[in-house]
Protein backbone atom coordinates (compact mmCIF):
# COMPACT_ATOMS: atom_id res chain seq x y z
CA MET A 1 70.52 -3.77 -69.43
CA ASP A 2 66.96 -3.34 -68.22
CA HIS A 3 66.28 -1.18 -65.19
CA THR A 4 62.53 -1.10 -65.66
CA PRO A 5 60.78 -0.31 -62.38
CA GLY A 6 58.95 -3.30 -60.96
CA GLN A 7 61.55 -5.96 -61.83
CA GLY A 8 65.21 -6.81 -61.31
CA GLN A 9 66.94 -4.64 -58.74
CA TYR A 10 63.91 -2.32 -58.77
CA ARG A 11 61.20 -4.87 -57.93
CA ASP A 12 60.16 -2.49 -55.14
CA LEU A 13 58.99 0.78 -56.70
CA GLU A 14 59.92 2.68 -53.55
CA VAL A 15 63.54 1.61 -54.03
CA TYR A 16 63.34 2.89 -57.59
CA ARG A 17 61.77 6.15 -56.41
CA ASP A 18 64.49 6.61 -53.76
CA THR A 19 67.19 5.92 -56.35
CA LEU A 20 65.79 8.57 -58.68
CA LYS A 21 65.56 11.03 -55.80
CA GLY A 22 69.23 10.37 -55.09
CA TYR A 23 70.18 11.38 -58.63
CA LYS A 24 68.02 14.46 -58.96
CA ASN A 25 65.90 16.76 -56.87
CA LEU A 26 62.52 15.79 -58.30
CA SER A 27 59.01 16.46 -57.09
CA ASP A 28 56.62 13.58 -56.44
CA LYS A 29 54.73 14.56 -59.59
CA GLU A 30 57.93 14.40 -61.67
CA LEU A 31 58.89 11.06 -60.11
CA ASN A 32 55.44 9.62 -60.81
CA GLY A 33 55.70 10.77 -64.43
CA ILE A 34 59.11 9.14 -64.92
CA ILE A 35 57.96 5.90 -63.29
CA LYS A 36 54.77 5.78 -65.38
CA GLU A 37 56.71 6.44 -68.59
CA ARG A 38 59.20 3.67 -67.86
CA VAL A 39 56.56 1.17 -66.73
CA ASP A 40 54.54 1.89 -69.90
CA THR A 41 57.56 1.31 -72.18
CA PRO A 42 57.01 -1.79 -74.34
CA VAL A 43 58.51 -4.95 -72.88
CA LEU A 44 61.21 -6.85 -74.73
CA THR A 45 59.43 -9.88 -76.16
CA MET A 46 60.68 -13.45 -76.03
CA GLU A 47 60.80 -13.50 -79.83
CA ARG A 48 63.07 -10.44 -79.88
CA MET A 49 65.28 -11.94 -77.16
CA LYS A 50 65.67 -15.09 -79.28
CA GLU A 51 66.56 -12.98 -82.34
CA VAL A 52 69.25 -11.13 -80.41
CA ALA A 53 70.56 -14.42 -78.97
CA LYS A 54 70.77 -15.92 -82.46
CA ILE A 55 72.69 -12.90 -83.79
CA ALA A 56 75.07 -13.06 -80.82
CA ASP A 57 75.66 -16.78 -81.35
CA GLU A 58 76.27 -16.38 -85.07
CA ASN A 59 78.87 -13.73 -84.35
CA GLY A 60 80.63 -15.44 -81.47
CA ILE A 61 79.39 -12.91 -78.92
CA ALA A 62 78.72 -14.04 -75.36
CA LEU A 63 75.19 -13.33 -74.21
CA ALA A 64 74.59 -12.06 -70.68
CA SER A 65 71.48 -11.55 -68.62
CA HIS A 66 71.30 -8.70 -66.12
CA ASP A 67 69.73 -8.28 -62.68
CA ASP A 68 68.32 -11.80 -62.62
CA ASP A 69 65.67 -11.61 -59.91
CA ASN A 70 64.33 -15.17 -59.72
CA VAL A 71 65.42 -18.72 -60.48
CA LYS A 72 62.85 -19.08 -63.28
CA LYS A 73 64.61 -16.29 -65.17
CA ILE A 74 67.82 -18.33 -65.05
CA ASP A 75 66.06 -21.22 -66.80
CA LEU A 76 64.64 -18.80 -69.37
CA VAL A 77 67.91 -17.07 -70.23
CA LYS A 78 69.82 -20.37 -70.28
CA ALA A 79 67.30 -21.73 -72.81
CA ILE A 80 68.12 -18.94 -75.29
CA GLY A 81 71.88 -19.40 -75.02
CA THR A 82 72.91 -17.01 -72.29
CA THR A 83 76.28 -17.90 -70.75
CA ILE A 84 76.62 -15.08 -68.18
CA SER A 85 74.37 -14.02 -65.32
CA GLU A 86 75.43 -10.49 -64.46
CA PHE A 87 74.35 -9.16 -61.06
CA PRO A 88 71.90 -11.82 -59.88
CA ILE A 89 69.73 -10.11 -57.27
CA THR A 90 69.69 -12.82 -54.59
CA LEU A 91 72.08 -15.51 -53.42
CA ASP A 92 69.55 -18.20 -54.43
CA VAL A 93 69.50 -16.82 -57.97
CA ALA A 94 73.32 -16.68 -58.05
CA LYS A 95 73.50 -20.29 -56.89
CA LYS A 96 70.97 -21.37 -59.54
CA ALA A 97 72.99 -19.56 -62.21
CA LYS A 98 76.17 -21.34 -61.12
CA GLN A 99 74.39 -24.71 -60.95
CA SER A 100 73.10 -24.08 -64.47
CA GLY A 101 76.64 -23.54 -65.75
CA LEU A 102 76.38 -19.80 -66.24
CA TYR A 103 79.31 -17.57 -65.45
CA THR A 104 78.08 -15.46 -62.58
CA ILE A 105 79.33 -11.94 -62.10
CA VAL A 106 78.41 -10.06 -58.96
CA ALA A 107 79.80 -6.89 -57.50
CA ARG A 108 79.45 -5.06 -54.28
CA GLN A 109 81.49 -2.29 -52.79
CA ILE A 110 84.33 -4.56 -51.72
CA PHE A 111 84.50 -7.49 -54.12
CA CYS A 112 83.86 -8.73 -57.60
CA LEU A 113 83.44 -12.45 -58.21
CA ALA A 114 83.34 -14.34 -61.46
CA ALA A 115 82.06 -17.94 -61.37
CA PRO A 116 81.63 -20.88 -61.98
CA ILE A 117 83.81 -21.38 -58.94
CA GLN A 118 83.54 -23.15 -55.59
CA ALA A 119 82.95 -19.97 -53.54
CA ILE A 120 79.18 -19.81 -54.02
């Protein structure tokens, strides 16, 4: 699961900042430090993602993506063997995941839906 600020559900850094504020009483300086540290964390490379996907496949483990935030990401994760799109960020991304044959898991306060199904 990757909650790096600037992508996924935290594409908007202000949303990320507000989320952190909701968890802890932090000063702006502390928030800026946390955000900088997380943004500066090395990104998971495509090569590493492929290695993990290969290990999962060899061991019969389903591979899921998380917080898919655009339709291009669906194509990317599908290409490495992902079978589950967990928490696609938009309805368009959820539809693309379903159309691509990925199981699509979304949750909100009231419902949880697992697809492929006809509901989306």
